[in-house]
Amino acid sequence: MRIISGKKKGKRLIEFAGGDIRPITDMAKAALFNILFDSITDAEFLDLYAGTGSVGIEAISRGAAHCVFIDSSRESARIISKNLEITGFTGQAKVITAECRNALSRLKGRFHFIFMDPPFFDEIDNEIFKIIEEKNMLIEGGALILKHFEKTVPPDCFERIKLRDTRRYGNSMLTFYAYAPKPEVKEGN
């Protein structure tokens, strides 16, 4: 696993030992960042179910200002921290070891991009979407990107987070959601 482009292009990252984890492929990661392209510059990025941190680290390498990494696994947090040290991005990152729902409930801040890569064969937790929407965590014009198994149906039932596009890469899908803030209600005369 490596950084594909940006300041640290070609830098190898530490991976998990064993085959339980299915990190994003280089092909899917390259496609994701080709879609996001220049909009990643100076962006605030949130990497949920971060695993090794390769997506958030790629975002920083390509010019994101900052990334918050959330994963419930202590081993993931250790690997993410080590990968941040290897790349020199520690000062542009925050690593949180907690279950995603709990971490999001306590997290302050807004993000241009939220990347979610939940365990591959698990059901997608709609509550995560609801928390993001209720806390207004996405900046207007921002995007939520969900990586999921090809046979998993992505949710599409939210007031302000709207499904916009889905792309297939092998047996993985990247589903893109756009965010529109709640319209302001104007009081009558």
N, C-alpha and C. Protein backbone atom coordinates (compact mmCIF):
# COMPACT_ATOMS: atom_id res chain seq x y z
N MET A 1 0.85 -1.17 0.00
CA MET A 1 0.00 0.00 0.00
C MET A 1 0.90 1.24 0.00
N ARG A 2 0.51 2.20 -0.83
CA ARG A 2 1.37 3.38 -0.99
C ARG A 2 0.52 4.62 -1.20
N ILE A 3 1.17 5.78 -1.10
CA ILE A 3 0.52 7.04 -1.45
C ILE A 3 0.66 7.20 -2.95
N ILE A 4 -0.44 7.48 -3.63
CA ILE A 4 -0.47 7.51 -5.08
C ILE A 4 0.04 8.82 -5.66
N SER A 5 -0.28 9.94 -5.02
CA SER A 5 0.07 11.23 -5.60
C SER A 5 0.27 12.28 -4.50
N GLY A 6 0.75 13.44 -4.92
CA GLY A 6 0.91 14.55 -3.98
C GLY A 6 2.31 14.65 -3.42
N LYS A 7 2.41 15.33 -2.28
CA LYS A 7 3.70 15.63 -1.65
C LYS A 7 4.50 14.37 -1.30
N LYS A 8 3.82 13.31 -0.95
CA LYS A 8 4.50 12.07 -0.51
C LYS A 8 4.27 10.91 -1.48
N LYS A 9 4.09 11.23 -2.76
CA LYS A 9 3.85 10.22 -3.79
C LYS A 9 4.87 9.08 -3.70
N GLY A 10 4.36 7.85 -3.75
CA GLY A 10 5.22 6.67 -3.74
C GLY A 10 5.60 6.17 -2.36
N LYS A 11 5.33 6.94 -1.32
CA LYS A 11 5.70 6.55 0.06
C LYS A 11 4.88 5.32 0.46
N ARG A 12 5.58 4.29 0.93
CA ARG A 12 4.92 3.07 1.39
C ARG A 12 4.34 3.28 2.79
N LEU A 13 3.16 2.71 3.01
CA LEU A 13 2.49 2.79 4.30
C LEU A 13 2.47 1.42 4.96
N ILE A 14 2.38 1.41 6.27
CA ILE A 14 2.27 0.17 7.02
C ILE A 14 0.87 -0.39 6.83
N GLU A 15 0.79 -1.71 6.66
CA GLU A 15 -0.50 -2.38 6.49
C GLU A 15 -0.76 -3.32 7.67
N PHE A 16 -1.97 -3.83 7.74
CA PHE A 16 -2.30 -4.84 8.74
C PHE A 16 -1.67 -6.16 8.35
N ALA A 17 -1.23 -6.93 9.33
CA ALA A 17 -0.79 -8.30 9.08
C ALA A 17 -2.04 -9.16 9.03
N GLY A 18 -2.12 -10.07 8.11
CA GLY A 18 -3.29 -10.93 8.01
C GLY A 18 -4.26 -10.43 6.96
N GLY A 19 -5.27 -11.22 6.68
CA GLY A 19 -6.18 -10.90 5.58
C GLY A 19 -7.58 -10.49 5.98
N ASP A 20 -7.80 -10.14 7.25
CA ASP A 20 -9.15 -9.78 7.68
C ASP A 20 -9.60 -8.42 7.15
N ILE A 21 -8.66 -7.53 6.93
CA ILE A 21 -8.96 -6.16 6.54
C ILE A 21 -8.89 -6.05 5.02
N ARG A 22 -9.84 -5.32 4.43
CA ARG A 22 -9.86 -5.11 2.99
C ARG A 22 -9.68 -3.62 2.72
N PRO A 23 -8.43 -3.16 2.66
CA PRO A 23 -8.21 -1.73 2.41
C PRO A 23 -8.64 -1.36 1.00
N ILE A 24 -8.88 -0.09 0.79
CA ILE A 24 -9.25 0.40 -0.53
C ILE A 24 -8.10 0.09 -1.50
N THR A 25 -8.44 -0.35 -2.69
CA THR A 25 -7.41 -0.65 -3.69
C THR A 25 -6.83 0.65 -4.24
N ASP A 26 -5.62 0.55 -4.77
CA ASP A 26 -5.01 1.73 -5.40
C ASP A 26 -5.89 2.26 -6.53
N MET A 27 -6.52 1.33 -7.29
CA MET A 27 -7.38 1.75 -8.40
C MET A 27 -8.56 2.59 -7.89
N ALA A 28 -9.24 2.10 -6.85
CA ALA A 28 -10.39 2.84 -6.31
C ALA A 28 -9.96 4.14 -5.66
N LYS A 29 -8.81 4.11 -4.96
CA LYS A 29 -8.32 5.33 -4.31
C LYS A 29 -7.94 6.38 -5.36
N ALA A 30 -7.27 5.96 -6.42
CA ALA A 30 -6.91 6.89 -7.50
C ALA A 30 -8.16 7.47 -8.14
N ALA A 31 -9.16 6.63 -8.38
CA ALA A 31 -10.41 7.10 -8.98
C ALA A 31 -11.11 8.11 -8.06
N LEU A 32 -11.15 7.81 -6.77
CA LEU A 32 -11.77 8.73 -5.80
C LEU A 32 -11.12 10.11 -5.88
N PHE A 33 -9.81 10.15 -5.82
CA PHE A 33 -9.13 11.45 -5.81
C PHE A 33 -9.11 12.12 -7.18
N ASN A 34 -9.26 11.35 -8.26
CA ASN A 34 -9.43 11.97 -9.58
C ASN A 34 -10.78 12.67 -9.66
N ILE A 35 -11.78 12.11 -9.00
CA ILE A 35 -13.11 12.74 -8.96
C ILE A 35 -13.06 14.00 -8.09
N LEU A 36 -12.43 13.92 -6.93
CA LEU A 36 -12.35 15.07 -6.02
C LEU A 36 -11.40 16.14 -6.55
N PHE A 37 -10.34 15.72 -7.20
CA PHE A 37 -9.34 16.54 -7.87
C PHE A 37 -8.92 17.75 -7.03
N ASP A 38 -9.01 18.96 -7.57
CA ASP A 38 -8.52 20.16 -6.90
C ASP A 38 -9.34 20.58 -5.69
N SER A 39 -10.56 20.06 -5.57
CA SER A 39 -11.40 20.46 -4.43
C SER A 39 -10.84 19.97 -3.10
N ILE A 40 -9.87 19.08 -3.14
CA ILE A 40 -9.25 18.57 -1.91
C ILE A 40 -8.29 19.59 -1.30
N THR A 41 -7.80 20.53 -2.10
CA THR A 41 -6.84 21.53 -1.63
C THR A 41 -7.43 22.35 -0.48
N ASP A 42 -6.73 22.39 0.64
CA ASP A 42 -7.12 23.11 1.86
C ASP A 42 -8.39 22.59 2.51
N ALA A 43 -8.84 21.40 2.14
CA ALA A 43 -10.08 20.84 2.68
C ALA A 43 -9.87 20.25 4.08
N GLU A 44 -10.96 20.23 4.83
CA GLU A 44 -11.03 19.48 6.09
C GLU A 44 -11.62 18.12 5.73
N PHE A 45 -10.95 17.04 6.14
CA PHE A 45 -11.29 15.69 5.72
C PHE A 45 -11.54 14.83 6.95
N LEU A 46 -12.58 13.99 6.90
CA LEU A 46 -12.89 13.06 7.98
C LEU A 46 -12.85 11.65 7.41
N ASP A 47 -12.04 10.79 7.99
CA ASP A 47 -11.88 9.41 7.55
C ASP A 47 -12.48 8.50 8.62
N LEU A 48 -13.70 7.98 8.35
CA LEU A 48 -14.41 7.11 9.30
C LEU A 48 -14.11 5.64 9.00
N TYR A 49 -14.00 4.83 10.05
CA TYR A 49 -13.59 3.43 9.91
C TYR A 49 -12.25 3.44 9.16
N ALA A 50 -11.31 4.19 9.67
CA ALA A 50 -10.11 4.60 8.94
C ALA A 50 -9.12 3.47 8.64
N GLY A 51 -9.16 2.37 9.37
CA GLY A 51 -8.24 1.26 9.07
C GLY A 51 -6.79 1.67 9.21
N THR A 52 -6.06 1.71 8.11
CA THR A 52 -4.64 2.11 8.12
C THR A 52 -4.47 3.62 7.93
N GLY A 53 -5.57 4.31 7.60
CA GLY A 53 -5.50 5.74 7.37
C GLY A 53 -5.08 6.12 5.96
N SER A 54 -5.03 5.16 5.06
CA SER A 54 -4.48 5.45 3.72
C SER A 54 -5.28 6.49 2.94
N VAL A 55 -6.60 6.55 3.13
CA VAL A 55 -7.40 7.52 2.37
C VAL A 55 -7.17 8.93 2.92
N GLY A 56 -7.24 9.09 4.23
CA GLY A 56 -7.00 10.41 4.82
C GLY A 56 -5.58 10.90 4.58
N ILE A 57 -4.62 9.98 4.63
CA ILE A 57 -3.22 10.35 4.38
C ILE A 57 -3.05 10.75 2.92
N GLU A 58 -3.72 10.05 2.02
CA GLU A 58 -3.70 10.44 0.59
C GLU A 58 -4.27 11.85 0.44
N ALA A 59 -5.35 12.14 1.16
CA ALA A 59 -5.97 13.48 1.09
C ALA A 59 -4.97 14.56 1.54
N ILE A 60 -4.26 14.31 2.63
CA ILE A 60 -3.27 15.29 3.11
C ILE A 60 -2.14 15.43 2.09
N SER A 61 -1.68 14.31 1.54
CA SER A 61 -0.61 14.36 0.55
C SER A 61 -1.02 15.21 -0.66
N ARG A 62 -2.31 15.18 -0.99
CA ARG A 62 -2.82 15.93 -2.15
C ARG A 62 -3.24 17.35 -1.81
N GLY A 63 -3.04 17.77 -0.56
CA GLY A 63 -3.28 19.16 -0.22
C GLY A 63 -4.35 19.46 0.79
N ALA A 64 -5.02 18.43 1.35
CA ALA A 64 -6.01 18.69 2.40
C ALA A 64 -5.30 19.36 3.58
N ALA A 65 -5.99 20.29 4.22
CA ALA A 65 -5.40 21.02 5.35
C ALA A 65 -5.25 20.14 6.58
N HIS A 66 -6.25 19.27 6.81
CA HIS A 66 -6.30 18.51 8.06
C HIS A 66 -7.19 17.30 7.86
N CYS A 67 -6.92 16.24 8.62
CA CYS A 67 -7.77 15.05 8.58
C CYS A 67 -7.97 14.51 9.99
N VAL A 68 -9.21 14.15 10.29
CA VAL A 68 -9.54 13.44 11.52
C VAL A 68 -9.78 11.99 11.14
N PHE A 69 -9.10 11.08 11.82
CA PHE A 69 -9.22 9.64 11.58
C PHE A 69 -9.98 9.03 12.75
N ILE A 70 -11.02 8.25 12.47
CA ILE A 70 -11.77 7.58 13.53
C ILE A 70 -11.83 6.09 13.23
N ASP A 71 -11.46 5.29 14.22
CA ASP A 71 -11.58 3.84 14.11
C ASP A 71 -11.68 3.28 15.53
N SER A 72 -12.45 2.22 15.69
CA SER A 72 -12.64 1.64 17.03
C SER A 72 -11.47 0.76 17.46
N SER A 73 -10.63 0.36 16.53
CA SER A 73 -9.54 -0.56 16.82
C SER A 73 -8.28 0.16 17.30
N ARG A 74 -7.75 -0.30 18.42
CA ARG A 74 -6.48 0.27 18.91
C ARG A 74 -5.34 -0.02 17.94
N GLU A 75 -5.39 -1.19 17.32
CA GLU A 75 -4.37 -1.55 16.33
C GLU A 75 -4.43 -0.60 15.14
N SER A 76 -5.63 -0.26 14.69
CA SER A 76 -5.77 0.73 13.61
C SER A 76 -5.18 2.06 14.02
N ALA A 77 -5.50 2.52 15.21
CA ALA A 77 -4.98 3.80 15.70
C ALA A 77 -3.45 3.78 15.74
N ARG A 78 -2.88 2.66 16.16
CA ARG A 78 -1.42 2.53 16.20
C ARG A 78 -0.83 2.62 14.79
N ILE A 79 -1.43 1.91 13.84
CA ILE A 79 -0.94 1.91 12.46
C ILE A 79 -1.11 3.29 11.83
N ILE A 80 -2.27 3.92 12.04
CA ILE A 80 -2.49 5.27 11.50
C ILE A 80 -1.43 6.23 12.05
N SER A 81 -1.22 6.19 13.35
CA SER A 81 -0.22 7.07 13.98
C SER A 81 1.17 6.83 13.40
N LYS A 82 1.52 5.57 13.20
CA LYS A 82 2.82 5.23 12.61
C LYS A 82 2.90 5.75 11.17
N ASN A 83 1.82 5.58 10.40
CA ASN A 83 1.81 6.07 9.01
C ASN A 83 1.90 7.59 8.95
N LEU A 84 1.30 8.26 9.91
CA LEU A 84 1.40 9.72 9.98
C LEU A 84 2.83 10.15 10.30
N GLU A 85 3.49 9.39 11.18
CA GLU A 85 4.90 9.68 11.49
C GLU A 85 5.78 9.48 10.26
N ILE A 86 5.57 8.36 9.56
CA ILE A 86 6.36 8.03 8.37
C ILE A 86 6.25 9.15 7.32
N THR A 87 5.06 9.71 7.17
CA THR A 87 4.81 10.72 6.14
C THR A 87 5.10 12.14 6.61
N GLY A 88 5.24 12.32 7.92
CA GLY A 88 5.45 13.66 8.46
C GLY A 88 4.17 14.48 8.55
N PHE A 89 3.02 13.81 8.55
CA PHE A 89 1.73 14.51 8.58
C PHE A 89 1.08 14.56 9.96
N THR A 90 1.80 14.20 11.00
CA THR A 90 1.23 14.16 12.35
C THR A 90 0.58 15.48 12.75
N GLY A 91 1.18 16.60 12.38
CA GLY A 91 0.65 17.91 12.74
C GLY A 91 -0.62 18.30 12.00
N GLN A 92 -0.98 17.54 10.97
CA GLN A 92 -2.18 17.84 10.19
C GLN A 92 -3.29 16.83 10.46
N ALA A 93 -3.16 16.09 11.56
CA ALA A 93 -4.09 15.00 11.79
C ALA A 93 -4.45 14.85 13.26
N LYS A 94 -5.60 14.22 13.46
CA LYS A 94 -6.05 13.83 14.79
C LYS A 94 -6.57 12.41 14.66
N VAL A 95 -6.13 11.52 15.54
CA VAL A 95 -6.56 10.13 15.52
C VAL A 95 -7.43 9.88 16.74
N ILE A 96 -8.64 9.37 16.51
CA ILE A 96 -9.58 9.08 17.59
C ILE A 96 -9.87 7.59 17.59
N THR A 97 -9.66 6.96 18.75
CA THR A 97 -9.98 5.54 18.90
C THR A 97 -11.31 5.44 19.64
N ALA A 98 -12.35 5.17 18.89
CA ALA A 98 -13.70 5.06 19.47
C ALA A 98 -14.64 4.49 18.41
N GLU A 99 -15.74 3.95 18.86
CA GLU A 99 -16.78 3.51 17.95
C GLU A 99 -17.28 4.76 17.22
N CYS A 100 -17.55 4.63 15.92
CA CYS A 100 -17.84 5.81 15.08
C CYS A 100 -19.03 6.63 15.58
N ARG A 101 -20.12 5.98 15.97
CA ARG A 101 -21.28 6.74 16.47
C ARG A 101 -20.91 7.61 17.65
N ASN A 102 -20.22 7.01 18.62
CA ASN A 102 -19.84 7.75 19.83
C ASN A 102 -18.89 8.89 19.50
N ALA A 103 -17.91 8.60 18.66
CA ALA A 103 -16.92 9.63 18.30
C ALA A 103 -17.60 10.80 17.58
N LEU A 104 -18.49 10.50 16.64
CA LEU A 104 -19.18 11.56 15.90
C LEU A 104 -20.06 12.40 16.82
N SER A 105 -20.70 11.75 17.77
CA SER A 105 -21.58 12.47 18.70
C SER A 105 -20.80 13.51 19.50
N ARG A 106 -19.53 13.24 19.78
CA ARG A 106 -18.70 14.16 20.57
C ARG A 106 -17.84 15.09 19.71
N LEU A 107 -17.66 14.74 18.45
CA LEU A 107 -16.75 15.49 17.58
C LEU A 107 -17.31 16.86 17.24
N LYS A 108 -16.45 17.86 17.31
CA LYS A 108 -16.82 19.21 16.90
C LYS A 108 -16.10 19.49 15.60
N GLY A 109 -16.70 20.32 14.77
CA GLY A 109 -16.07 20.69 13.51
C GLY A 109 -16.93 20.32 12.32
N ARG A 110 -16.56 20.92 11.20
CA ARG A 110 -17.26 20.66 9.94
C ARG A 110 -16.22 20.27 8.90
N PHE A 111 -16.67 19.51 7.92
CA PHE A 111 -15.74 18.91 6.97
C PHE A 111 -16.22 19.13 5.53
N HIS A 112 -15.25 19.28 4.65
CA HIS A 112 -15.56 19.34 3.22
C HIS A 112 -15.87 17.95 2.68
N PHE A 113 -15.14 16.95 3.21
CA PHE A 113 -15.30 15.57 2.75
C PHE A 113 -15.31 14.63 3.94
N ILE A 114 -16.26 13.68 3.88
CA ILE A 114 -16.31 12.61 4.87
C ILE A 114 -16.24 11.31 4.08
N PHE A 115 -15.22 10.50 4.37
CA PHE A 115 -15.06 9.21 3.71
C PHE A 115 -15.39 8.12 4.72
N MET A 116 -16.31 7.22 4.35
CA MET A 116 -16.72 6.12 5.22
C MET A 116 -16.37 4.79 4.57
N ASP A 117 -15.65 3.95 5.30
CA ASP A 117 -15.30 2.63 4.80
C ASP A 117 -15.60 1.60 5.89
N PRO A 118 -16.92 1.35 6.14
CA PRO A 118 -17.28 0.42 7.21
C PRO A 118 -16.85 -1.00 6.88
N PRO A 119 -16.82 -1.89 7.89
CA PRO A 119 -16.46 -3.29 7.62
C PRO A 119 -17.24 -3.80 6.40
N PHE A 120 -16.54 -4.47 5.51
CA PHE A 120 -17.00 -4.75 4.15
C PHE A 120 -18.35 -5.43 4.06
N PHE A 121 -18.61 -6.46 4.84
CA PHE A 121 -19.85 -7.20 4.69
C PHE A 121 -20.91 -6.80 5.71
N ASP A 122 -20.62 -5.81 6.53
CA ASP A 122 -21.59 -5.34 7.53
C ASP A 122 -22.67 -4.50 6.87
N GLU A 123 -23.81 -4.43 7.52
CA GLU A 123 -24.85 -3.50 7.09
C GLU A 123 -24.36 -2.08 7.33
N ILE A 124 -24.80 -1.17 6.50
CA ILE A 124 -24.41 0.23 6.66
C ILE A 124 -25.25 0.84 7.78
N ASP A 125 -24.61 1.51 8.69
CA ASP A 125 -25.27 2.10 9.86
C ASP A 125 -25.87 3.46 9.49
N ASN A 126 -27.17 3.48 9.23
CA ASN A 126 -27.85 4.73 8.86
C ASN A 126 -27.74 5.79 9.95
N GLU A 127 -27.54 5.35 11.19
CA GLU A 127 -27.42 6.30 12.30
C GLU A 127 -26.23 7.23 12.11
N ILE A 128 -25.18 6.74 11.48
CA ILE A 128 -24.00 7.57 11.20
C ILE A 128 -24.41 8.74 10.30
N PHE A 129 -25.18 8.45 9.26
CA PHE A 129 -25.65 9.50 8.36
C PHE A 129 -26.51 10.52 9.12
N LYS A 130 -27.38 10.01 9.98
CA LYS A 130 -28.26 10.90 10.74
C LYS A 130 -27.48 11.83 11.66
N ILE A 131 -26.45 11.30 12.32
CA ILE A 131 -25.63 12.14 13.20
C ILE A 131 -24.93 13.22 12.38
N ILE A 132 -24.36 12.84 11.25
CA ILE A 132 -23.67 13.81 10.38
C ILE A 132 -24.64 14.90 9.95
N GLU A 133 -25.85 14.51 9.58
CA GLU A 133 -26.85 15.47 9.13
C GLU A 133 -27.32 16.37 10.28
N GLU A 134 -27.67 15.77 11.42
CA GLU A 134 -28.17 16.55 12.56
C GLU A 134 -27.13 17.53 13.10
N LYS A 135 -25.86 17.12 13.09
CA LYS A 135 -24.80 17.99 13.62
C LYS A 135 -24.25 18.94 12.55
N ASN A 136 -24.83 18.87 11.35
CA ASN A 136 -24.41 19.79 10.28
C ASN A 136 -22.90 19.70 10.06
N MET A 137 -22.38 18.46 9.98
CA MET A 137 -20.94 18.23 9.94
C MET A 137 -20.31 18.45 8.56
N LEU A 138 -21.14 18.40 7.52
CA LEU A 138 -20.61 18.63 6.18
C LEU A 138 -20.79 20.10 5.81
N ILE A 139 -19.77 20.67 5.23
CA ILE A 139 -19.83 22.05 4.74
C ILE A 139 -20.68 22.06 3.48
N GLU A 140 -21.44 23.13 3.26
CA GLU A 140 -22.25 23.25 2.05
C GLU A 140 -21.38 23.01 0.82
N GLY A 141 -21.89 22.17 -0.06
CA GLY A 141 -21.12 21.78 -1.24
C GLY A 141 -20.19 20.62 -0.97
N GLY A 142 -20.14 20.17 0.28
CA GLY A 142 -19.29 19.05 0.65
C GLY A 142 -19.86 17.73 0.18
N ALA A 143 -19.06 16.69 0.35
CA ALA A 143 -19.49 15.36 -0.10
C ALA A 143 -19.17 14.31 0.95
N LEU A 144 -20.06 13.34 1.03
CA LEU A 144 -19.83 12.15 1.84
C LEU A 144 -19.62 11.02 0.84
N ILE A 145 -18.56 10.26 1.02
CA ILE A 145 -18.25 9.16 0.11
C ILE A 145 -18.27 7.88 0.92
N LEU A 146 -19.06 6.91 0.47
CA LEU A 146 -19.22 5.63 1.15
C LEU A 146 -18.61 4.53 0.29
N LYS A 147 -17.65 3.79 0.84
CA LYS A 147 -17.12 2.61 0.16
C LYS A 147 -17.86 1.41 0.72
N HIS A 148 -18.38 0.56 -0.16
CA HIS A 148 -19.15 -0.59 0.31
C HIS A 148 -19.06 -1.75 -0.68
N PHE A 149 -19.48 -2.92 -0.22
CA PHE A 149 -19.53 -4.13 -1.03
C PHE A 149 -20.56 -3.93 -2.13
N GLU A 150 -20.28 -4.49 -3.31
CA GLU A 150 -21.15 -4.29 -4.47
C GLU A 150 -22.60 -4.73 -4.23
N LYS A 151 -22.82 -5.72 -3.37
CA LYS A 151 -24.19 -6.21 -3.13
C LYS A 151 -24.89 -5.49 -1.99
N THR A 152 -24.21 -4.57 -1.34
CA THR A 152 -24.81 -3.79 -0.27
C THR A 152 -25.53 -2.60 -0.88
N VAL A 153 -26.78 -2.42 -0.50
CA VAL A 153 -27.56 -1.29 -1.02
C VAL A 153 -27.27 -0.06 -0.17
N PRO A 154 -26.76 1.00 -0.79
CA PRO A 154 -26.45 2.21 -0.01
C PRO A 154 -27.73 2.94 0.39
N PRO A 155 -27.75 3.55 1.55
CA PRO A 155 -28.95 4.28 1.98
C PRO A 155 -29.20 5.52 1.13
N ASP A 156 -30.48 5.86 1.00
CA ASP A 156 -30.86 7.06 0.25
C ASP A 156 -32.15 7.62 0.84
N CYS A 157 -32.12 7.98 2.10
CA CYS A 157 -33.36 8.39 2.76
C CYS A 157 -33.14 9.53 3.74
N PHE A 158 -32.35 10.50 3.33
CA PHE A 158 -32.01 11.57 4.26
C PHE A 158 -32.49 12.91 3.73
N GLU A 159 -32.74 13.83 4.64
CA GLU A 159 -33.28 15.14 4.28
C GLU A 159 -32.29 15.99 3.50
N ARG A 160 -31.04 16.03 3.95
CA ARG A 160 -30.05 16.93 3.33
C ARG A 160 -28.85 16.24 2.72
N ILE A 161 -28.68 14.98 2.99
CA ILE A 161 -27.59 14.21 2.38
C ILE A 161 -28.22 13.37 1.27
N LYS A 162 -27.90 13.72 0.03
CA LYS A 162 -28.57 13.12 -1.13
C LYS A 162 -27.60 12.30 -1.98
N LEU A 163 -28.02 11.08 -2.30
CA LEU A 163 -27.21 10.21 -3.15
C LEU A 163 -27.10 10.84 -4.54
N ARG A 164 -25.87 10.95 -5.05
CA ARG A 164 -25.63 11.59 -6.35
C ARG A 164 -25.05 10.66 -7.39
N ASP A 165 -24.20 9.70 -6.97
CA ASP A 165 -23.49 8.89 -7.96
C ASP A 165 -22.93 7.66 -7.28
N THR A 166 -22.83 6.58 -8.04
CA THR A 166 -22.20 5.36 -7.55
C THR A 166 -21.27 4.84 -8.65
N ARG A 167 -20.07 4.46 -8.26
CA ARG A 167 -19.08 3.93 -9.20
C ARG A 167 -18.57 2.58 -8.68
N ARG A 168 -18.32 1.67 -9.61
CA ARG A 168 -17.87 0.33 -9.24
C ARG A 168 -16.38 0.16 -9.55
N TYR A 169 -15.68 -0.47 -8.60
CA TYR A 169 -14.26 -0.79 -8.76
C TYR A 169 -14.05 -2.21 -8.23
N GLY A 170 -14.05 -3.19 -9.12
CA GLY A 170 -13.99 -4.59 -8.70
C GLY A 170 -15.27 -4.93 -7.96
N ASN A 171 -15.15 -5.51 -6.75
CA ASN A 171 -16.36 -5.82 -5.97
C ASN A 171 -16.68 -4.73 -4.95
N SER A 172 -16.02 -3.59 -5.09
CA SER A 172 -16.27 -2.43 -4.22
C SER A 172 -17.02 -1.36 -4.99
N MET A 173 -17.81 -0.61 -4.26
CA MET A 173 -18.54 0.52 -4.83
C MET A 173 -18.14 1.78 -4.05
N LEU A 174 -18.06 2.89 -4.76
CA LEU A 174 -17.93 4.20 -4.12
C LEU A 174 -19.23 4.93 -4.41
N THR A 175 -19.96 5.26 -3.36
CA THR A 175 -21.21 5.99 -3.50
C THR A 175 -20.99 7.40 -2.97
N PHE A 176 -21.36 8.37 -3.79
CA PHE A 176 -21.13 9.78 -3.49
C PHE A 176 -22.45 10.44 -3.10
N TYR A 177 -22.41 11.16 -1.99
CA TYR A 177 -23.57 11.91 -1.51
C TYR A 177 -23.20 13.39 -1.50
N ALA A 178 -24.13 14.22 -1.92
CA ALA A 178 -23.94 15.67 -1.84
C ALA A 178 -24.71 16.18 -0.63
N TYR A 179 -24.30 17.31 -0.12
CA TYR A 179 -24.92 17.89 1.06
C TYR A 179 -25.51 19.25 0.74
N ALA A 180 -26.74 19.43 1.11
CA ALA A 180 -27.40 20.73 0.98
C ALA A 180 -27.91 21.13 2.36
N PRO A 181 -27.53 22.30 2.85
CA PRO A 181 -27.99 22.71 4.18
C PRO A 181 -29.49 22.92 4.21
N LYS A 182 -30.03 22.86 5.41
CA LYS A 182 -31.46 23.10 5.61
C LYS A 182 -31.77 24.53 5.20
N PRO A 183 -32.80 24.72 4.37
CA PRO A 183 -33.13 26.10 3.98
C PRO A 183 -33.59 26.91 5.18
N GLU A 184 -33.18 28.17 5.18
CA GLU A 184 -33.59 29.05 6.28
C GLU A 184 -35.07 29.40 6.11
N VAL A 185 -35.77 29.38 7.22
CA VAL A 185 -37.18 29.74 7.21
C VAL A 185 -37.27 31.23 7.50
N LYS A 186 -37.87 31.96 6.57
CA LYS A 186 -38.00 33.41 6.75
C LYS A 186 -39.36 33.70 7.37
N GLU A 187 -39.33 34.54 8.39
CA GLU A 187 -40.56 34.91 9.06
C GLU A 187 -41.32 35.91 8.21
N GLY A 188 -42.64 35.81 8.24
CA GLY A 188 -43.49 36.73 7.47
C GLY A 188 -43.50 38.12 8.06
N ASN A 189 -44.01 39.06 7.30
CA ASN A 189 -44.06 40.47 7.74
C ASN A 189 -45.03 40.66 8.86
